[in-house]
Amino acid sequence: MGALSPTHWLIIVAVLVLLFGAKRLPDAARSLGRSARILKSEVKELHPESKDEPAPPAAQAPPAAIPPVTPVVATPAPVVEPVSTEKKVG
């Protein structure tokens, strides 16, 4: 139950061709490749350029003062009695 066998891959490819068509699959693969390149470049920008140079220290702002919390008192909802739709005979 581990890896997919070649038969499984052929079924997956056949289903993809049936769903998207032979014309759209190359475009989808190209788009996926572009997205992967963009993701890779963005992740690379997050890390420092070289391991020899220390990362510049991040400027930390002093913690903001938290305003005091005012307690909220819940008022009970008014009791509403159900209205009967039956006509009273009498």
N, C-alpha and C. Protein backbone atom coordinates (compact mmCIF):
# COMPACT_ATOMS: atom_id res chain seq x y z
N MET A 1 0.83 -1.20 0.00
CA MET A 1 0.00 0.00 0.00
C MET A 1 0.87 1.25 0.00
N GLY A 2 2.13 1.16 -0.36
CA GLY A 2 3.03 2.30 -0.31
C GLY A 2 2.95 3.16 -1.56
N ALA A 3 3.91 2.95 -2.45
CA ALA A 3 4.03 3.78 -3.65
C ALA A 3 3.02 3.34 -4.71
N LEU A 4 2.81 4.23 -5.66
CA LEU A 4 1.90 3.91 -6.75
C LEU A 4 2.63 3.10 -7.81
N SER A 5 1.97 2.08 -8.32
CA SER A 5 2.57 1.25 -9.37
C SER A 5 2.39 1.95 -10.72
N PRO A 6 3.09 1.49 -11.75
CA PRO A 6 2.94 2.11 -13.08
C PRO A 6 1.49 2.07 -13.59
N THR A 7 0.76 1.05 -13.23
CA THR A 7 -0.64 0.96 -13.65
C THR A 7 -1.45 2.11 -13.03
N HIS A 8 -1.19 2.39 -11.77
CA HIS A 8 -1.89 3.49 -11.10
C HIS A 8 -1.58 4.82 -11.78
N TRP A 9 -0.30 5.03 -12.13
CA TRP A 9 0.09 6.27 -12.79
C TRP A 9 -0.59 6.42 -14.15
N LEU A 10 -0.70 5.31 -14.90
CA LEU A 10 -1.39 5.37 -16.19
C LEU A 10 -2.86 5.73 -16.03
N ILE A 11 -3.49 5.20 -15.01
CA ILE A 11 -4.90 5.54 -14.75
C ILE A 11 -5.03 7.02 -14.39
N ILE A 12 -4.13 7.50 -13.57
CA ILE A 12 -4.17 8.92 -13.17
C ILE A 12 -3.98 9.82 -14.38
N VAL A 13 -3.01 9.50 -15.24
CA VAL A 13 -2.76 10.30 -16.43
C VAL A 13 -3.97 10.26 -17.35
N ALA A 14 -4.59 9.08 -17.52
CA ALA A 14 -5.77 8.96 -18.39
C ALA A 14 -6.91 9.81 -17.85
N VAL A 15 -7.12 9.82 -16.55
CA VAL A 15 -8.19 10.62 -15.96
C VAL A 15 -7.91 12.11 -16.16
N LEU A 16 -6.65 12.51 -15.97
CA LEU A 16 -6.30 13.92 -16.18
C LEU A 16 -6.53 14.36 -17.62
N VAL A 17 -6.16 13.49 -18.58
CA VAL A 17 -6.38 13.82 -20.00
C VAL A 17 -7.87 13.92 -20.29
N LEU A 18 -8.65 13.02 -19.71
CA LEU A 18 -10.10 13.08 -19.94
C LEU A 18 -10.72 14.33 -19.31
N LEU A 19 -10.24 14.71 -18.12
CA LEU A 19 -10.81 15.87 -17.44
C LEU A 19 -10.42 17.19 -18.10
N PHE A 20 -9.13 17.34 -18.41
CA PHE A 20 -8.64 18.64 -18.87
C PHE A 20 -8.39 18.71 -20.36
N GLY A 21 -8.24 17.60 -21.02
CA GLY A 21 -7.95 17.61 -22.45
C GLY A 21 -6.46 17.73 -22.70
N ALA A 22 -6.03 17.27 -23.87
CA ALA A 22 -4.61 17.25 -24.21
C ALA A 22 -4.06 18.66 -24.44
N LYS A 23 -4.91 19.62 -24.81
CA LYS A 23 -4.43 20.97 -25.08
C LYS A 23 -4.14 21.74 -23.81
N ARG A 24 -4.91 21.50 -22.77
CA ARG A 24 -4.76 22.30 -21.54
C ARG A 24 -3.71 21.75 -20.59
N LEU A 25 -3.34 20.47 -20.72
CA LEU A 25 -2.36 19.89 -19.80
C LEU A 25 -0.99 20.55 -19.90
N PRO A 26 -0.43 20.83 -21.10
CA PRO A 26 0.87 21.52 -21.14
C PRO A 26 0.80 22.91 -20.52
N ASP A 27 -0.30 23.63 -20.74
CA ASP A 27 -0.44 24.95 -20.14
C ASP A 27 -0.50 24.85 -18.62
N ALA A 28 -1.19 23.85 -18.12
CA ALA A 28 -1.29 23.67 -16.67
C ALA A 28 0.08 23.32 -16.09
N ALA A 29 0.85 22.48 -16.79
CA ALA A 29 2.18 22.10 -16.31
C ALA A 29 3.10 23.32 -16.30
N ARG A 30 3.01 24.15 -17.34
CA ARG A 30 3.84 25.37 -17.40
C ARG A 30 3.49 26.30 -16.25
N SER A 31 2.20 26.46 -16.01
CA SER A 31 1.75 27.33 -14.93
C SER A 31 2.22 26.81 -13.58
N LEU A 32 2.16 25.50 -13.40
CA LEU A 32 2.62 24.89 -12.15
C LEU A 32 4.12 25.11 -11.98
N GLY A 33 4.88 25.01 -13.06
CA GLY A 33 6.33 25.26 -13.00
C GLY A 33 6.64 26.69 -12.63
N ARG A 34 5.91 27.64 -13.21
CA ARG A 34 6.11 29.06 -12.87
C ARG A 34 5.81 29.30 -11.40
N SER A 35 4.72 28.73 -10.93
CA SER A 35 4.35 28.91 -9.52
C SER A 35 5.41 28.34 -8.60
N ALA A 36 5.97 27.18 -8.97
CA ALA A 36 7.02 26.57 -8.15
C ALA A 36 8.26 27.45 -8.12
N ARG A 37 8.63 28.05 -9.27
CA ARG A 37 9.79 28.94 -9.31
C ARG A 37 9.57 30.18 -8.46
N ILE A 38 8.38 30.75 -8.53
CA ILE A 38 8.07 31.94 -7.73
C ILE A 38 8.14 31.60 -6.24
N LEU A 39 7.56 30.47 -5.86
CA LEU A 39 7.59 30.05 -4.46
C LEU A 39 9.02 29.85 -4.00
N LYS A 40 9.85 29.22 -4.83
CA LYS A 40 11.24 28.97 -4.47
C LYS A 40 12.00 30.27 -4.28
N SER A 41 11.76 31.25 -5.17
CA SER A 41 12.47 32.53 -5.03
C SER A 41 12.00 33.28 -3.79
N GLU A 42 10.72 33.21 -3.47
CA GLU A 42 10.22 33.89 -2.28
C GLU A 42 10.77 33.27 -1.01
N VAL A 43 10.87 31.94 -0.98
CA VAL A 43 11.42 31.26 0.20
C VAL A 43 12.89 31.60 0.34
N LYS A 44 13.60 31.71 -0.79
CA LYS A 44 15.03 32.03 -0.75
C LYS A 44 15.23 33.44 -0.21
N GLU A 45 14.32 34.37 -0.50
CA GLU A 45 14.44 35.73 0.01
C GLU A 45 14.23 35.81 1.52
N LEU A 46 13.51 34.86 2.07
CA LEU A 46 13.28 34.86 3.51
C LEU A 46 14.54 34.51 4.30
N HIS A 47 15.41 33.70 3.70
CA HIS A 47 16.64 33.28 4.38
C HIS A 47 17.74 34.28 4.09
N PRO A 48 18.72 34.41 5.01
CA PRO A 48 19.84 35.33 4.77
C PRO A 48 20.62 34.88 3.54
N GLU A 49 21.33 35.85 2.91
CA GLU A 49 22.08 35.58 1.68
C GLU A 49 23.15 34.53 1.89
N SER A 50 23.97 34.69 2.92
CA SER A 50 25.00 33.69 3.18
C SER A 50 24.99 33.38 4.68
N LYS A 51 25.53 32.21 5.00
CA LYS A 51 25.51 31.79 6.39
C LYS A 51 26.63 32.46 7.19
N ASP A 52 27.65 33.03 6.51
CA ASP A 52 28.75 33.69 7.21
C ASP A 52 28.31 35.03 7.80
N GLU A 53 27.46 35.74 7.07
CA GLU A 53 27.01 37.04 7.53
C GLU A 53 25.81 36.87 8.45
N PRO A 54 25.86 37.49 9.63
CA PRO A 54 24.68 37.39 10.49
C PRO A 54 23.54 38.21 9.90
N ALA A 55 22.36 37.76 10.16
CA ALA A 55 21.18 38.48 9.68
C ALA A 55 21.08 39.81 10.42
N PRO A 56 20.64 40.86 9.74
CA PRO A 56 20.51 42.15 10.44
C PRO A 56 19.48 42.03 11.55
N PRO A 57 19.76 42.68 12.69
CA PRO A 57 18.81 42.58 13.80
C PRO A 57 17.49 43.26 13.44
N ALA A 58 16.45 42.63 13.78
CA ALA A 58 15.13 43.18 13.49
C ALA A 58 14.82 44.27 14.51
N ALA A 59 14.33 45.38 14.03
CA ALA A 59 13.96 46.47 14.93
C ALA A 59 12.65 46.11 15.62
N GLN A 60 12.72 46.02 16.93
CA GLN A 60 11.53 45.65 17.67
C GLN A 60 10.95 46.88 18.34
N ALA A 61 9.69 47.06 18.13
CA ALA A 61 8.99 48.18 18.77
C ALA A 61 8.65 47.78 20.19
N PRO A 62 8.61 48.74 21.09
CA PRO A 62 8.21 48.39 22.46
C PRO A 62 6.76 47.90 22.45
N PRO A 63 6.44 47.00 23.34
CA PRO A 63 5.07 46.49 23.35
C PRO A 63 4.07 47.62 23.60
N ALA A 64 3.01 47.57 22.85
CA ALA A 64 1.98 48.60 22.97
C ALA A 64 1.21 48.40 24.27
N ALA A 65 0.78 49.50 24.84
CA ALA A 65 0.00 49.43 26.07
C ALA A 65 -1.40 48.90 25.73
N ILE A 66 -1.83 47.96 26.50
CA ILE A 66 -3.16 47.37 26.27
C ILE A 66 -4.17 48.18 27.08
N PRO A 67 -5.21 48.68 26.43
CA PRO A 67 -6.20 49.45 27.18
C PRO A 67 -6.95 48.55 28.16
N PRO A 68 -7.39 49.12 29.26
CA PRO A 68 -8.12 48.30 30.24
C PRO A 68 -9.44 47.82 29.66
N VAL A 69 -9.82 46.66 30.08
CA VAL A 69 -11.05 46.05 29.59
C VAL A 69 -12.20 46.44 30.50
N THR A 70 -13.28 46.92 29.91
CA THR A 70 -14.45 47.25 30.70
C THR A 70 -15.38 46.04 30.71
N PRO A 71 -15.86 45.66 31.88
CA PRO A 71 -16.72 44.48 31.94
C PRO A 71 -18.05 44.74 31.25
N VAL A 72 -18.54 43.73 30.60
CA VAL A 72 -19.82 43.83 29.91
C VAL A 72 -20.83 43.02 30.71
N VAL A 73 -21.91 43.67 31.09
CA VAL A 73 -22.95 42.99 31.86
C VAL A 73 -24.05 42.58 30.89
N ALA A 74 -24.32 41.30 30.89
CA ALA A 74 -25.35 40.80 29.98
C ALA A 74 -26.71 40.99 30.63
N THR A 75 -27.64 41.52 29.88
CA THR A 75 -29.00 41.66 30.37
C THR A 75 -29.81 40.50 29.83
N PRO A 76 -30.67 39.94 30.66
CA PRO A 76 -31.45 38.79 30.18
C PRO A 76 -32.43 39.23 29.09
N ALA A 77 -32.63 38.33 28.16
CA ALA A 77 -33.56 38.60 27.07
C ALA A 77 -34.98 38.55 27.60
N PRO A 78 -35.88 39.37 27.06
CA PRO A 78 -37.27 39.33 27.51
C PRO A 78 -37.91 37.99 27.14
N VAL A 79 -38.78 37.54 28.01
CA VAL A 79 -39.48 36.27 27.78
C VAL A 79 -40.67 36.53 26.88
N VAL A 80 -40.74 35.80 25.80
CA VAL A 80 -41.85 35.96 24.86
C VAL A 80 -42.64 34.67 24.87
N GLU A 81 -43.94 34.79 25.10
CA GLU A 81 -44.76 33.60 25.11
C GLU A 81 -45.20 33.29 23.69
N PRO A 82 -45.27 32.00 23.35
CA PRO A 82 -45.65 31.63 21.99
C PRO A 82 -47.10 32.05 21.68
N VAL A 83 -47.30 32.43 20.45
CA VAL A 83 -48.63 32.85 20.01
C VAL A 83 -49.27 31.66 19.31
N SER A 84 -50.47 31.33 19.72
CA SER A 84 -51.19 30.22 19.13
C SER A 84 -51.89 30.69 17.85
N THR A 85 -51.85 29.87 16.83
CA THR A 85 -52.51 30.22 15.56
C THR A 85 -53.88 29.56 15.47
N GLU A 86 -54.25 28.80 16.49
CA GLU A 86 -55.58 28.15 16.46
C GLU A 86 -56.65 29.15 16.85
N LYS A 87 -57.80 29.03 16.23
CA LYS A 87 -58.91 29.90 16.57
C LYS A 87 -59.64 29.30 17.75
N LYS A 88 -59.98 30.17 18.69
CA LYS A 88 -60.70 29.70 19.87
C LYS A 88 -62.20 29.75 19.58
N VAL A 89 -62.86 28.67 19.89
CA VAL A 89 -64.29 28.61 19.71
C VAL A 89 -64.93 28.87 21.06
N GLY A 90 -65.82 29.77 21.10
CA GLY A 90 -66.34 29.92 22.42
C GLY A 90 -67.17 31.06 22.62
